[in-house]
Amino acid sequence: MKYLTPRTIRPPFARYSHGVEVPAGHRLVLCSGQLGVTADDTIPEDAAAQTELCFQNIAAVLAEAGMGLADIVRINAYVTDRAHLKSYMDVRDRLFGTPPPASTLMVVSGFAREEFKVEIEAFAAAPADGEGGR
């Protein structure tokens, strides 16, 4: 991957890359928005715990394609309150190495069920030979 952070624009506000170029010959997986909910429909109250579950669910989707969190090149995340930004970013920053993936984080008015505080979408790329999950 080629991580793009041009010197001609303002550096990222947090720990993310402005862009990521995926070279030819890579498989792409686009994960739908994942919520902080367990398979038995348990939803933790805490935004950080919901964030952990979102990324666990994304990891499960990626595993189906022979990939892992290390193959993520872009994250779109949504939280329902600015108070949840730090909790989300702390978990994200712990899970992703350097250079970090491209990322967008937005504050939204809510999700389908009001107990959800975080939703995360991810795009992943790995070599076509199946060697994902670095």
Protein backbone atom coordinates (compact mmCIF):
# COMPACT_ATOMS: atom_id res chain seq x y z
CA MET A 1 0.00 0.00 0.00
CA LYS A 2 1.08 3.55 -0.58
CA TYR A 3 0.02 5.91 2.21
CA LEU A 4 -0.67 9.44 0.99
CA THR A 5 -0.16 12.47 3.20
CA PRO A 6 0.84 15.35 0.91
CA ARG A 7 3.01 18.05 2.45
CA THR A 8 0.99 20.65 0.53
CA ILE A 9 -2.11 20.21 2.71
CA ARG A 10 -2.69 20.36 6.46
CA PRO A 11 -1.51 17.22 8.28
CA PRO A 12 -4.25 14.93 9.61
CA PHE A 13 -6.07 16.11 12.75
CA ALA A 14 -5.56 12.73 14.43
CA ARG A 15 -3.87 9.40 13.70
CA TYR A 16 -4.97 8.60 10.14
CA SER A 17 -3.64 8.89 6.59
CA HIS A 18 -5.21 11.30 4.11
CA GLY A 19 -5.29 8.52 1.52
CA VAL A 20 -4.15 4.99 0.73
CA GLU A 21 -3.34 3.75 -2.76
CA VAL A 22 -4.15 0.08 -3.30
CA PRO A 23 -1.85 -1.39 -5.95
CA ALA A 24 -3.05 -3.53 -8.85
CA GLY A 25 -3.47 -7.20 -8.08
CA HIS A 26 -5.20 -6.76 -4.71
CA ARG A 27 -8.55 -8.11 -3.56
CA LEU A 28 -10.92 -5.64 -1.90
CA VAL A 29 -13.43 -6.32 0.86
CA LEU A 30 -16.00 -3.66 1.72
CA CYS A 31 -17.55 -4.18 5.16
CA SER A 32 -21.00 -2.85 5.87
CA GLY A 33 -21.38 -0.73 8.98
CA GLN A 34 -20.88 -2.87 12.06
CA LEU A 35 -22.48 -2.05 15.39
CA GLY A 36 -21.36 -2.79 18.94
CA VAL A 37 -23.55 -5.81 19.46
CA THR A 38 -22.76 -9.44 20.24
CA ALA A 39 -24.20 -12.46 18.41
CA ASP A 40 -26.71 -12.89 21.27
CA ASP A 41 -27.87 -9.23 20.88
CA THR A 42 -26.01 -7.86 23.92
CA ILE A 43 -25.16 -4.17 23.58
CA PRO A 44 -22.72 -2.68 26.10
CA GLU A 45 -23.54 0.77 27.46
CA ASP A 46 -19.95 2.07 27.09
CA ALA A 47 -18.86 3.62 23.76
CA ALA A 48 -15.37 2.08 24.04
CA ALA A 49 -16.84 -1.40 24.54
CA GLN A 50 -19.14 -0.85 21.56
CA THR A 51 -16.13 0.24 19.49
CA GLU A 52 -14.25 -2.94 20.48
CA LEU A 53 -17.24 -5.03 19.35
CA CYS A 54 -17.52 -3.13 16.07
CA PHE A 55 -13.89 -3.95 15.26
CA GLN A 56 -14.32 -7.57 16.43
CA ASN A 57 -17.28 -7.90 14.07
CA ILE A 58 -15.27 -6.35 11.23
CA ALA A 59 -12.41 -8.78 11.99
CA ALA A 60 -14.89 -11.68 11.70
CA VAL A 61 -16.10 -10.44 8.30
CA LEU A 62 -12.52 -10.00 7.09
CA ALA A 63 -11.54 -13.46 8.36
CA GLU A 64 -14.13 -14.93 6.00
CA ALA A 65 -11.99 -13.50 3.16
CA GLY A 66 -8.66 -14.54 4.68
CA MET A 67 -7.90 -11.00 5.85
CA GLY A 68 -7.48 -9.22 9.17
CA LEU A 69 -7.61 -5.75 10.69
CA ALA A 70 -4.08 -5.09 9.40
CA ASP A 71 -5.50 -5.19 5.85
CA ILE A 72 -7.87 -2.26 6.45
CA VAL A 73 -7.07 0.70 4.22
CA ARG A 74 -10.07 2.92 5.08
CA ILE A 75 -12.40 3.36 8.04
CA ASN A 76 -15.68 5.31 8.13
CA ALA A 77 -16.84 5.70 11.71
CA TYR A 78 -19.92 7.32 13.20
CA VAL A 79 -20.61 8.23 16.83
CA THR A 80 -23.77 9.72 18.32
CA ASP A 81 -22.08 12.32 20.53
CA ARG A 82 -18.80 14.23 20.62
CA ALA A 83 -18.33 12.74 24.09
CA HIS A 84 -17.68 9.36 22.36
CA LEU A 85 -14.88 10.64 20.08
CA LYS A 86 -12.04 9.96 22.51
CA SER A 87 -13.27 6.47 23.40
CA TYR A 88 -13.54 5.57 19.72
CA MET A 89 -10.13 7.05 18.82
CA ASP A 90 -8.38 5.36 21.75
CA VAL A 91 -9.57 1.93 20.59
CA ARG A 92 -8.86 2.66 16.91
CA ASP A 93 -5.36 3.95 17.64
CA ARG A 94 -4.54 0.88 19.75
CA LEU A 95 -5.68 -1.52 17.01
CA PHE A 96 -3.95 0.07 14.00
CA GLY A 97 -0.24 0.41 13.39
CA THR A 98 1.78 2.95 11.48
CA PRO A 99 1.03 4.17 8.95
CA PRO A 100 -2.65 4.19 9.89
CA PRO A 101 -5.48 3.69 7.39
CA ALA A 102 -7.42 6.53 5.81
CA SER A 103 -10.29 7.45 8.11
CA THR A 104 -13.40 9.57 8.48
CA LEU A 105 -15.15 10.13 11.82
CA MET A 106 -18.55 11.80 11.97
CA VAL A 107 -21.00 12.73 14.71
CA VAL A 108 -24.52 11.64 13.73
CA SER A 109 -27.93 12.03 15.33
CA GLY A 110 -28.45 8.32 15.91
CA PHE A 111 -28.82 4.79 14.57
CA ALA A 112 -31.70 2.34 14.07
CA ARG A 113 -31.72 1.53 17.80
CA GLU A 114 -31.02 4.33 20.25
CA GLU A 115 -28.72 2.23 22.48
CA PHE A 116 -26.08 2.16 19.71
CA LYS A 117 -23.37 4.81 20.09
CA VAL A 118 -20.84 3.71 17.43
CA GLU A 119 -20.99 2.27 13.91
CA ILE A 120 -17.93 1.47 11.80
CA GLU A 121 -17.50 0.60 8.11
CA ALA A 122 -14.20 -0.66 6.73
CA PHE A 123 -12.50 -1.22 3.40
CA ALA A 124 -9.71 -3.81 3.30
CA ALA A 125 -7.22 -4.84 0.61
CA ALA A 126 -4.87 -7.79 0.41
CA PRO A 127 -2.75 -9.35 -2.33
CA ALA A 128 -4.71 -11.49 -4.77
CA ASP A 129 -2.60 -14.51 -3.76
CA GLY A 130 -4.56 -14.67 -0.49
CA GLU A 131 -1.72 -13.51 1.76
CA GLY A 132 -3.83 -11.12 3.84
CA GLY A 133 -3.91 -10.49 7.57
CA ARG A 134 -0.26 -9.42 7.83
